[in-house]
């Protein structure tokens, strides 16, 4: 996203933690370096309202397209 220096995983974490209803995020981490990066990301500085709104606009318009259980139900994965 323009105007940020974050890598995609950090941006995703900061996006989730930008909502006051969210207090924690579970991440899949399989390397020490990823854990260290994730810990640096959780610094109390999250997305501004402007950047949060911009990120929301990037959402895929058809959520069912990226819903893998739906794909499986429709037999599109076989």
PDB file of N, CA and C in Angstrom:
ATOM      1  N   UNK A   1       0.852  -1.163   0.000  1.00  0.00           N
ATOM      2  CA  UNK A   1       0.000   0.000   0.000  1.00  0.00           C
ATOM      3  C   UNK A   1       0.900   1.228   0.000  1.00  0.00           C
ATOM      4  N   UNK A   2       0.583   2.160  -0.853  1.00  0.00           N
ATOM      5  CA  UNK A   2       1.378   3.381  -0.955  1.00  0.00           C
ATOM      6  C   UNK A   2       1.393   4.125   0.374  1.00  0.00           C
ATOM      7  N   UNK A   3       2.507   4.729   0.656  1.00  0.00           N
ATOM      8  CA  UNK A   3       2.622   5.525   1.866  1.00  0.00           C
ATOM      9  C   UNK A   3       3.028   4.741   3.103  1.00  0.00           C
ATOM     10  N   UNK A   4       3.329   3.453   2.916  1.00  0.00           N
ATOM     11  CA  UNK A   4       3.814   2.657   4.043  1.00  0.00           C
ATOM     12  C   UNK A   4       5.097   1.959   3.623  1.00  0.00           C
ATOM     13  N   UNK A   5       5.922   1.646   4.587  1.00  0.00           N
ATOM     14  CA  UNK A   5       7.155   0.903   4.327  1.00  0.00           C
ATOM     15  C   UNK A   5       7.042  -0.530   4.821  1.00  0.00           C
ATOM     16  N   UNK A   6       5.825  -0.965   5.104  1.00  0.00           N
ATOM     17  CA  UNK A   6       5.616  -2.290   5.680  1.00  0.00           C
ATOM     18  C   UNK A   6       5.582  -3.375   4.618  1.00  0.00           C
ATOM     19  N   UNK A   7       6.129  -4.535   4.971  1.00  0.00           N
ATOM     20  CA  UNK A   7       5.963  -5.718   4.137  1.00  0.00           C
ATOM     21  C   UNK A   7       4.535  -6.210   4.343  1.00  0.00           C
ATOM     22  N   UNK A   8       4.047  -7.035   3.422  1.00  0.00           N
ATOM     23  CA  UNK A   8       2.657  -7.476   3.468  1.00  0.00           C
ATOM     24  C   UNK A   8       2.263  -8.129   4.797  1.00  0.00           C
ATOM     25  N   UNK A   9       3.058  -9.050   5.368  1.00  0.00           N
ATOM     26  CA  UNK A   9       2.646  -9.636   6.653  1.00  0.00           C
ATOM     27  C   UNK A   9       2.494  -8.589   7.766  1.00  0.00           C
ATOM     28  N   UNK A  10       3.410  -7.638   7.819  1.00  0.00           N
ATOM     29  CA  UNK A  10       3.326  -6.587   8.840  1.00  0.00           C
ATOM     30  C   UNK A  10       2.104  -5.710   8.597  1.00  0.00           C
ATOM     31  N   UNK A  11       1.838  -5.395   7.350  1.00  0.00           N
ATOM     32  CA  UNK A  11       0.675  -4.577   7.016  1.00  0.00           C
ATOM     33  C   UNK A  11      -0.612  -5.295   7.410  1.00  0.00           C
ATOM     34  N   UNK A  12      -0.680  -6.600   7.158  1.00  0.00           N
ATOM     35  CA  UNK A  12      -1.872  -7.376   7.526  1.00  0.00           C
ATOM     36  C   UNK A  12      -2.072  -7.371   9.040  1.00  0.00           C
ATOM     37  N   UNK A  13      -0.995  -7.532   9.785  1.00  0.00           N
ATOM     38  CA  UNK A  13      -1.095  -7.521  11.248  1.00  0.00           C
ATOM     39  C   UNK A  13      -1.524  -6.154  11.747  1.00  0.00           C
ATOM     40  N   UNK A  14      -0.900  -5.106  11.218  1.00  0.00           N
ATOM     41  CA  UNK A  14      -1.254  -3.753  11.633  1.00  0.00           C
ATOM     42  C   UNK A  14      -2.695  -3.424  11.254  1.00  0.00           C
ATOM     43  N   UNK A  15      -3.160  -3.927  10.102  1.00  0.00           N
ATOM     44  CA  UNK A  15      -4.553  -3.722   9.691  1.00  0.00           C
ATOM     45  C   UNK A  15      -5.489  -4.320  10.738  1.00  0.00           C
ATOM     46  N   UNK A  16      -5.257  -5.581  11.085  1.00  0.00           N
ATOM     47  CA  UNK A  16      -6.132  -6.253  12.053  1.00  0.00           C
ATOM     48  C   UNK A  16      -6.113  -5.543  13.405  1.00  0.00           C
ATOM     49  N   UNK A  17      -4.935  -5.144  13.856  1.00  0.00           N
ATOM     50  CA  UNK A  17      -4.811  -4.519  15.171  1.00  0.00           C
ATOM     51  C   UNK A  17      -5.243  -3.056  15.186  1.00  0.00           C
ATOM     52  N   UNK A  18      -5.588  -2.508  14.036  1.00  0.00           N
ATOM     53  CA  UNK A  18      -6.069  -1.132  13.963  1.00  0.00           C
ATOM     54  C   UNK A  18      -7.517  -1.005  14.428  1.00  0.00           C
ATOM     55  N   UNK A  19      -8.198  -2.139  14.577  1.00  0.00           N
ATOM     56  CA  UNK A  19      -9.578  -2.132  15.046  1.00  0.00           C
ATOM     57  C   UNK A  19      -9.580  -2.266  16.568  1.00  0.00           C
ATOM     58  N   UNK A  20     -10.283  -1.372  17.272  1.00  0.00           N
ATOM     59  CA  UNK A  20     -10.269  -1.432  18.735  1.00  0.00           C
ATOM     60  C   UNK A  20     -10.833  -2.738  19.296  1.00  0.00           C
ATOM     61  N   UNK A  21     -11.647  -3.432  18.513  1.00  0.00           N
ATOM     62  CA  UNK A  21     -12.229  -4.697  18.970  1.00  0.00           C
ATOM     63  C   UNK A  21     -11.221  -5.846  18.948  1.00  0.00           C
ATOM     64  N   UNK A  22     -10.097  -5.649  18.274  1.00  0.00           N
ATOM     65  CA  UNK A  22      -9.092  -6.706  18.124  1.00  0.00           C
ATOM     66  C   UNK A  22      -7.947  -6.453  19.099  1.00  0.00           C
ATOM     67  N   UNK A  23      -7.665  -7.454  19.926  1.00  0.00           N
ATOM     68  CA  UNK A  23      -6.574  -7.297  20.894  1.00  0.00           C
ATOM     69  C   UNK A  23      -5.393  -8.210  20.602  1.00  0.00           C
ATOM     70  N   UNK A  24      -5.592  -9.200  19.725  1.00  0.00           N
ATOM     71  CA  UNK A  24      -4.485 -10.095  19.383  1.00  0.00           C
ATOM     72  C   UNK A  24      -4.703 -10.672  17.994  1.00  0.00           C
ATOM     73  N   UNK A  25      -3.613 -11.105  17.391  1.00  0.00           N
ATOM     74  CA  UNK A  25      -3.641 -11.682  16.047  1.00  0.00           C
ATOM     75  C   UNK A  25      -2.808 -12.958  16.079  1.00  0.00           C
ATOM     76  N   UNK A  26      -3.359 -14.031  15.542  1.00  0.00           N
ATOM     77  CA  UNK A  26      -2.605 -15.282  15.438  1.00  0.00           C
ATOM     78  C   UNK A  26      -1.921 -15.322  14.083  1.00  0.00           C
ATOM     79  N   UNK A  27      -0.640 -15.595  14.082  1.00  0.00           N
ATOM     80  CA  UNK A  27       0.116 -15.670  12.839  1.00  0.00           C
ATOM     81  C   UNK A  27       0.767 -17.035  12.722  1.00  0.00           C
ATOM     82  N   UNK A  28       0.854 -17.521  11.506  1.00  0.00           N
ATOM     83  CA  UNK A  28       1.580 -18.762  11.260  1.00  0.00           C
ATOM     84  C   UNK A  28       3.051 -18.439  11.041  1.00  0.00           C
ATOM     85  N   UNK A  29       3.891 -18.886  11.940  1.00  0.00           N
ATOM     86  CA  UNK A  29       5.313 -18.551  11.882  1.00  0.00           C
ATOM     87  C   UNK A  29       6.120 -19.839  11.953  1.00  0.00           C
ATOM     88  N   UNK A  30       7.027 -20.014  10.985  1.00  0.00           N
ATOM     89  CA  UNK A  30       7.835 -21.236  10.981  1.00  0.00           C
ATOM     90  C   UNK A  30       9.340 -20.970  10.991  1.00  0.00           C
ATOM     91  N   UNK A  31       9.723 -19.703  11.155  1.00  0.00           N
ATOM     92  CA  UNK A  31      11.144 -19.365  11.223  1.00  0.00           C
ATOM     93  C   UNK A  31      11.357 -18.309  12.296  1.00  0.00           C
ATOM     94  N   UNK A  32      12.496 -18.367  12.942  1.00  0.00           N
ATOM     95  CA  UNK A  32      12.838 -17.405  13.991  1.00  0.00           C
ATOM     96  C   UNK A  32      12.770 -15.969  13.465  1.00  0.00           C
ATOM     97  N   UNK A  33      13.252 -15.741  12.247  1.00  0.00           N
ATOM     98  CA  UNK A  33      13.259 -14.380  11.698  1.00  0.00           C
ATOM     99  C   UNK A  33      11.843 -13.840  11.516  1.00  0.00           C
ATOM    100  N   UNK A  34      10.882 -14.727  11.183  1.00  0.00           N
ATOM    101  CA  UNK A  34       9.490 -14.295  11.041  1.00  0.00           C
ATOM    102  C   UNK A  34       8.908 -13.914  12.399  1.00  0.00           C
ATOM    103  N   UNK A  35       9.261 -14.667  13.430  1.00  0.00           N
ATOM    104  CA  UNK A  35       8.809 -14.349  14.782  1.00  0.00           C
ATOM    105  C   UNK A  35       9.346 -12.989  15.214  1.00  0.00           C
ATOM    106  N   UNK A  36      10.625 -12.753  14.970  1.00  0.00           N
ATOM    107  CA  UNK A  36      11.230 -11.478  15.356  1.00  0.00           C
ATOM    108  C   UNK A  36      10.583 -10.315  14.613  1.00  0.00           C
ATOM    109  N   UNK A  37      10.305 -10.499  13.329  1.00  0.00           N
ATOM    110  CA  UNK A  37       9.639  -9.454  12.545  1.00  0.00           C
ATOM    111  C   UNK A  37       8.231  -9.201  13.075  1.00  0.00           C
ATOM    112  N   UNK A  38       7.511 -10.267  13.404  1.00  0.00           N
ATOM    113  CA  UNK A  38       6.155 -10.122  13.941  1.00  0.00           C
ATOM    114  C   UNK A  38       6.175  -9.357  15.262  1.00  0.00           C
ATOM    115  N   UNK A  39       7.154  -9.648  16.098  1.00  0.00           N
ATOM    116  CA  UNK A  39       7.252  -8.945  17.379  1.00  0.00           C
ATOM    117  C   UNK A  39       7.580  -7.468  17.186  1.00  0.00           C
ATOM    118  N   UNK A  40       8.392  -7.147  16.193  1.00  0.00           N
ATOM    119  CA  UNK A  40       8.692  -5.732  15.894  1.00  0.00           C
ATOM    120  C   UNK A  40       7.455  -5.015  15.363  1.00  0.00           C
ATOM    121  N   UNK A  41       6.591  -5.748  14.672  1.00  0.00           N
ATOM    122  CA  UNK A  41       5.388  -5.162  14.073  1.00  0.00           C
ATOM    123  C   UNK A  41       4.401  -4.691  15.132  1.00  0.00           C
ATOM    124  N   UNK A  42       4.304  -5.432  16.228  1.00  0.00           N
ATOM    125  CA  UNK A  42       3.338  -5.117  17.282  1.00  0.00           C
ATOM    126  C   UNK A  42       3.965  -4.081  18.209  1.00  0.00           C
ATOM    127  N   UNK A  43       3.920  -2.829  17.750  1.00  0.00           N
ATOM    128  CA  UNK A  43       4.605  -1.753  18.461  1.00  0.00           C
ATOM    129  C   UNK A  43       3.661  -0.671  18.973  1.00  0.00           C
ATOM    130  N   UNK A  44       2.356  -0.908  18.854  1.00  0.00           N
ATOM    131  CA  UNK A  44       1.387   0.089  19.300  1.00  0.00           C
ATOM    132  C   UNK A  44       1.100   1.159  18.270  1.00  0.00           C
ATOM    133  N   UNK A  45       1.793   1.121  17.136  1.00  0.00           N
ATOM    134  CA  UNK A  45       1.562   2.072  16.052  1.00  0.00           C
ATOM    135  C   UNK A  45       0.877   1.319  14.923  1.00  0.00           C
ATOM    136  N   UNK A  46      -0.381   1.655  14.693  1.00  0.00           N
ATOM    137  CA  UNK A  46      -1.139   0.933  13.682  1.00  0.00           C
ATOM    138  C   UNK A  46      -1.576   1.882  12.577  1.00  0.00           C
ATOM    139  N   UNK A  47      -2.501   1.487  11.751  1.00  0.00           N
ATOM    140  CA  UNK A  47      -2.866   2.285  10.585  1.00  0.00           C
ATOM    141  C   UNK A  47      -3.732   3.478  10.978  1.00  0.00           C
ATOM    142  N   UNK A  48      -3.454   4.610  10.344  1.00  0.00           N
ATOM    143  CA  UNK A  48      -4.288   5.791  10.548  1.00  0.00           C
ATOM    144  C   UNK A  48      -5.661   5.518   9.933  1.00  0.00           C
ATOM    145  N   UNK A  49      -6.637   6.327  10.279  1.00  0.00           N
ATOM    146  CA  UNK A  49      -7.984   6.141   9.709  1.00  0.00           C
ATOM    147  C   UNK A  49      -7.935   6.225   8.189  1.00  0.00           C
ATOM    148  N   UNK A  50      -7.111   7.120   7.671  1.00  0.00           N
ATOM    149  CA  UNK A  50      -6.984   7.280   6.220  1.00  0.00           C
ATOM    150  C   UNK A  50      -6.435   6.006   5.577  1.00  0.00           C
ATOM    151  N   UNK A  51      -5.362   5.471   6.130  1.00  0.00           N
ATOM    152  CA  UNK A  51      -4.769   4.250   5.574  1.00  0.00           C
ATOM    153  C   UNK A  51      -5.676   3.039   5.794  1.00  0.00           C
ATOM    154  N   UNK A  52      -6.389   3.012   6.909  1.00  0.00           N
ATOM    155  CA  UNK A  52      -7.324   1.924   7.178  1.00  0.00           C
ATOM    156  C   UNK A  52      -8.448   1.932   6.145  1.00  0.00           C
ATOM    157  N   UNK A  53      -8.977   3.098   5.837  1.00  0.00           N
ATOM    158  CA  UNK A  53     -10.017   3.202   4.806  1.00  0.00           C
ATOM    159  C   UNK A  53      -9.478   2.809   3.440  1.00  0.00           C
ATOM    160  N   UNK A  54      -8.251   3.214   3.140  1.00  0.00           N
ATOM    161  CA  UNK A  54      -7.640   2.846   1.864  1.00  0.00           C
ATOM    162  C   UNK A  54      -7.465   1.328   1.771  1.00  0.00           C
ATOM    163  N   UNK A  55      -7.048   0.707   2.865  1.00  0.00           N
ATOM    164  CA  UNK A  55      -6.880  -0.749   2.887  1.00  0.00           C
ATOM    165  C   UNK A  55      -8.218  -1.453   2.697  1.00  0.00           C
ATOM    166  N   UNK A  56      -9.264  -0.936   3.301  1.00  0.00           N
ATOM    167  CA  UNK A  56     -10.601  -1.532   3.126  1.00  0.00           C
ATOM    168  C   UNK A  56     -11.028  -1.504   1.662  1.00  0.00           C
ATOM    169  N   UNK A  57     -10.644  -0.468   0.951  1.00  0.00           N
ATOM    170  CA  UNK A  57     -11.009  -0.353  -0.463  1.00  0.00           C
ATOM    171  C   UNK A  57     -10.300  -1.389  -1.321  1.00  0.00           C
ATOM    172  N   UNK A  58      -9.250  -2.006  -0.801  1.00  0.00           N
ATOM    173  CA  UNK A  58      -8.513  -3.026  -1.544  1.00  0.00           C
ATOM    174  C   UNK A  58      -9.149  -4.408  -1.437  1.00  0.00           C
ATOM    175  N   UNK A  59     -10.199  -4.532  -0.646  1.00  0.00           N
ATOM    176  CA  UNK A  59     -10.856  -5.831  -0.453  1.00  0.00           C
ATOM    177  C   UNK A  59     -11.378  -6.361  -1.783  1.00  0.00           C
ATOM    178  N   UNK A  60     -11.273  -7.671  -1.952  1.00  0.00           N
ATOM    179  CA  UNK A  60     -11.757  -8.296  -3.183  1.00  0.00           C
ATOM    180  C   UNK A  60     -13.275  -8.163  -3.231  1.00  0.00           C
ATOM    181  N   UNK A  61     -13.849  -7.734  -4.370  1.00  0.00           N
ATOM    182  CA  UNK A  61     -15.285  -7.449  -4.437  1.00  0.00           C
ATOM    183  C   UNK A  61     -16.198  -8.671  -4.299  1.00  0.00           C
ATOM    184  N   UNK A  62     -15.707  -9.856  -4.584  1.00  0.00           N
ATOM    185  CA  UNK A  62     -16.530 -11.057  -4.490  1.00  0.00           C
ATOM    186  C   UNK A  62     -15.895 -12.023  -3.492  1.00  0.00           C
ATOM    187  N   UNK A  63     -16.244 -11.927  -2.214  1.00  0.00           N
ATOM    188  CA  UNK A  63     -15.608 -12.782  -1.201  1.00  0.00           C
ATOM    189  C   UNK A  63     -15.719 -14.275  -1.503  1.00  0.00           C
ATOM    190  N   UNK A  64     -16.771 -14.711  -2.174  1.00  0.00           N
ATOM    191  CA  UNK A  64     -16.908 -16.137  -2.474  1.00  0.00           C
ATOM    192  C   UNK A  64     -15.806 -16.626  -3.406  1.00  0.00           C
ATOM    193  N   UNK A  65     -15.223 -15.726  -4.172  1.00  0.00           N
ATOM    194  CA  UNK A  65     -14.155 -16.122  -5.079  1.00  0.00           C
ATOM    195  C   UNK A  65     -12.934 -16.631  -4.318  1.00  0.00           C
ATOM    196  N   UNK A  66     -12.707 -16.101  -3.141  1.00  0.00           N
ATOM    197  CA  UNK A  66     -11.540 -16.519  -2.362  1.00  0.00           C
ATOM    198  C   UNK A  66     -11.931 -17.381  -1.155  1.00  0.00           C
ATOM    199  N   UNK A  67     -13.122 -17.935  -1.171  1.00  0.00           N
ATOM    200  CA  UNK A  67     -13.626 -18.792  -0.102  1.00  0.00           C
ATOM    201  C   UNK A  67     -13.366 -20.246  -0.490  1.00  0.00           C
ATOM    202  N   UNK A  68     -12.236 -20.808  -0.043  1.00  0.00           N
ATOM    203  CA  UNK A  68     -11.856 -22.163  -0.459  1.00  0.00           C
ATOM    204  C   UNK A  68     -12.845 -23.243  -0.038  1.00  0.00           C
ATOM    205  N   UNK A  69     -13.486 -23.164   1.135  1.00  0.00           N
ATOM    206  CA  UNK A  69     -14.519 -24.169   1.425  1.00  0.00           C
ATOM    207  C   UNK A  69     -15.654 -24.141   0.394  1.00  0.00           C
ATOM    208  N   UNK A  70     -15.991 -22.951  -0.090  1.00  0.00           N
ATOM    209  CA  UNK A  70     -17.015 -22.834  -1.133  1.00  0.00           C
ATOM    210  C   UNK A  70     -16.515 -23.485  -2.422  1.00  0.00           C
ATOM    211  N   UNK A  71     -15.261 -23.260  -2.759  1.00  0.00           N
ATOM    212  CA  UNK A  71     -14.684 -23.884  -3.952  1.00  0.00           C
ATOM    213  C   UNK A  71     -14.751 -25.401  -3.836  1.00  0.00           C
ATOM    214  N   UNK A  72     -14.415 -25.914  -2.643  1.00  0.00           N
ATOM    215  CA  UNK A  72     -14.453 -27.358  -2.422  1.00  0.00           C
ATOM    216  C   UNK A  72     -15.876 -27.882  -2.573  1.00  0.00           C
ATOM    217  N   UNK A  73     -16.835 -27.174  -2.000  1.00  0.00           N
ATOM    218  CA  UNK A  73     -18.247 -27.562  -2.107  1.00  0.00           C
ATOM    219  C   UNK A  73     -18.696 -27.614  -3.563  1.00  0.00           C
ATOM    220  N   UNK A  74     -18.201 -26.682  -4.359  1.00  0.00           N
ATOM    221  CA  UNK A  74     -18.576 -26.619  -5.776  1.00  0.00           C
ATOM    222  C   UNK A  74     -17.750 -27.586  -6.632  1.00  0.00           C
ATOM    223  N   UNK A  75     -16.824 -28.322  -5.994  1.00  0.00           N
ATOM    224  CA  UNK A  75     -15.952 -29.292  -6.676  1.00  0.00           C
ATOM    225  C   UNK A  75     -14.998 -28.616  -7.666  1.00  0.00           C
ATOM    226  N   UNK A  76     -14.627 -27.369  -7.379  1.00  0.00           N
ATOM    227  CA  UNK A  76     -13.707 -26.648  -8.261  1.00  0.00           C
ATOM    228  C   UNK A  76     -12.249 -26.975  -7.948  1.00  0.00           C
ATOM    229  N   UNK A  77     -11.978 -27.595  -6.813  1.00  0.00           N
ATOM    230  CA  UNK A  77     -10.602 -27.883  -6.412  1.00  0.00           C
ATOM    231  C   UNK A  77     -10.117 -29.247  -6.883  1.00  0.00           C
ATOM    232  N   UNK A  78     -10.997 -30.037  -7.453  1.00  0.00           N
ATOM    233  CA  UNK A  78     -10.593 -31.383  -7.875  1.00  0.00           C
ATOM    234  C   UNK A  78     -10.368 -31.461  -9.361  1.00  0.00           C
TER     235      UNK A  78
END
